[in-house]
Amino acid sequence: MKLIKSIILLPCSENEAARLRRNAPQQNPETLRHYLQDSLQVPESALTRDGYIWHLDQDDRLRRFRAEVVLRNEADVIVRSPDHDVTAWRIVKTPLASFLPGIEVAPQTAEN
């Protein structure tokens, strides 16, 4: 069984959304609020070269979704949440090329 580091992420806060809006290109603030409302802030390292975000399901199995990047900042990307009913995500911080969907793993919560 592989050990991976994961972090729990919630949709970005209004303060973070405001900071991202200040750094974003000129866009309508209401449009940005709409996009950021159903989004996840994840480390840049969580986004694979192929554009996927890996996460764990309730059974500690690897799953992935194609990330729709809304915004980027220095260390993070903001992606649209693929499932609006999920309130907390266990995102893999540093995915490996050997990952396959459905593999059971023993997650570790990241310190930061």
Protein backbone atom coordinates (compact mmCIF):
# COMPACT_ATOMS: atom_id res chain seq x y z
CA MET A 1 0.00 0.00 0.00
CA LYS A 2 1.42 3.40 -1.00
CA LEU A 3 1.51 6.27 1.44
CA ILE A 4 0.61 9.64 0.01
CA LYS A 5 0.26 13.05 1.53
CA SER A 6 -3.13 14.64 1.22
CA ILE A 7 -4.72 17.82 2.45
CA ILE A 8 -8.29 18.73 3.21
CA LEU A 9 -9.47 21.75 1.28
CA LEU A 10 -12.63 23.76 1.45
CA PRO A 11 -13.92 26.22 -1.14
CA CYS A 12 -11.86 29.39 -0.95
CA SER A 13 -12.88 32.05 1.54
CA GLU A 14 -14.29 35.44 0.61
CA ASN A 15 -11.00 37.04 1.76
CA GLU A 16 -9.02 34.78 -0.57
CA ALA A 17 -11.47 35.49 -3.39
CA ALA A 18 -11.01 39.24 -2.85
CA ARG A 19 -7.21 38.87 -2.94
CA LEU A 20 -7.41 36.85 -6.15
CA ARG A 21 -9.74 39.42 -7.73
CA ARG A 22 -7.17 42.14 -7.01
CA ASN A 23 -4.50 40.09 -8.81
CA ALA A 24 -6.75 38.98 -11.66
CA PRO A 25 -7.01 40.67 -15.05
CA GLN A 26 -9.78 43.24 -15.42
CA GLN A 27 -13.01 41.27 -15.16
CA ASN A 28 -16.48 41.87 -13.84
CA PRO A 29 -16.36 41.29 -10.02
CA GLU A 30 -19.76 39.58 -10.03
CA THR A 31 -18.57 37.15 -12.70
CA LEU A 32 -15.47 36.34 -10.65
CA ARG A 33 -17.54 35.84 -7.50
CA HIS A 34 -19.74 33.40 -9.41
CA TYR A 35 -16.72 31.39 -10.61
CA LEU A 36 -15.00 31.40 -7.23
CA GLN A 37 -18.15 30.44 -5.34
CA ASP A 38 -17.98 26.78 -6.42
CA SER A 39 -14.22 26.41 -6.53
CA LEU A 40 -11.35 24.72 -4.74
CA GLN A 41 -7.99 26.25 -3.93
CA VAL A 42 -5.30 23.60 -4.40
CA PRO A 43 -1.50 23.71 -4.45
CA GLU A 44 0.02 24.09 -7.91
CA SER A 45 1.73 20.72 -7.32
CA ALA A 46 -1.68 18.97 -7.16
CA LEU A 47 -2.39 19.75 -10.82
CA THR A 48 -0.89 17.10 -13.11
CA ARG A 49 0.68 17.84 -16.49
CA ASP A 50 -2.40 16.25 -18.06
CA GLY A 51 -4.67 18.67 -16.18
CA TYR A 52 -6.07 16.32 -13.53
CA ILE A 53 -6.54 16.68 -9.79
CA TRP A 54 -6.25 13.43 -7.80
CA HIS A 55 -8.32 13.02 -4.64
CA LEU A 56 -9.45 10.30 -2.25
CA ASP A 57 -12.98 9.02 -1.95
CA GLN A 58 -14.62 7.96 1.33
CA ASP A 59 -13.02 4.50 1.01
CA ASP A 60 -9.47 5.92 0.64
CA ARG A 61 -9.36 5.06 -3.04
CA LEU A 62 -7.73 7.31 -5.62
CA ARG A 63 -10.05 9.22 -7.94
CA ARG A 64 -9.35 12.03 -10.36
CA PHE A 65 -11.16 14.78 -12.19
CA ARG A 66 -10.18 17.02 -15.06
CA ALA A 67 -9.46 20.41 -13.55
CA GLU A 68 -11.08 23.52 -14.96
CA VAL A 69 -8.63 26.18 -13.83
CA VAL A 70 -10.35 29.46 -12.98
CA LEU A 71 -7.38 31.44 -11.61
CA ARG A 72 -3.75 30.98 -10.63
CA ASN A 73 -1.58 32.77 -8.09
CA GLU A 74 2.02 32.25 -6.96
CA ALA A 75 1.64 28.84 -5.32
CA ASP A 76 -1.97 27.76 -5.86
CA VAL A 77 -4.55 27.21 -8.55
CA ILE A 78 -8.27 27.78 -8.20
CA VAL A 79 -10.30 25.08 -9.96
CA ARG A 80 -14.02 24.62 -10.38
CA SER A 81 -15.41 21.98 -8.03
CA PRO A 82 -16.68 18.98 -10.03
CA ASP A 83 -19.21 18.06 -7.32
CA HIS A 84 -20.98 20.90 -5.52
CA ASP A 85 -22.44 18.54 -2.88
CA VAL A 86 -18.98 17.74 -1.44
CA THR A 87 -18.03 20.12 1.37
CA ALA A 88 -14.49 18.84 2.01
CA TRP A 89 -12.03 17.31 -0.41
CA ARG A 90 -9.00 15.15 0.31
CA ILE A 91 -6.70 16.36 -2.44
CA VAL A 92 -3.40 14.64 -3.22
CA LYS A 93 -0.74 17.32 -2.86
CA THR A 94 1.91 15.60 -4.99
CA PRO A 95 0.42 13.02 -7.38
CA LEU A 96 2.61 10.31 -8.88
CA ALA A 97 2.65 9.25 -12.52
CA SER A 98 2.00 5.66 -11.37
CA PHE A 99 -1.42 6.49 -9.87
CA LEU A 100 -4.42 4.59 -11.21
CA PRO A 101 -8.07 5.29 -10.37
CA GLY A 102 -9.46 2.97 -7.70
CA ILE A 103 -6.19 2.08 -5.98
CA GLU A 104 -6.60 1.98 -2.20
CA VAL A 105 -4.06 4.06 -0.30
CA ALA A 106 -3.23 4.94 3.31
CA PRO A 107 -3.57 8.75 3.43
CA GLN A 108 -1.55 11.06 5.63
CA THR A 109 -2.77 14.56 6.40
CA ALA A 110 -0.24 17.21 5.41
CA GLU A 111 1.07 19.49 8.15
CA ASN A 112 0.59 22.67 6.06
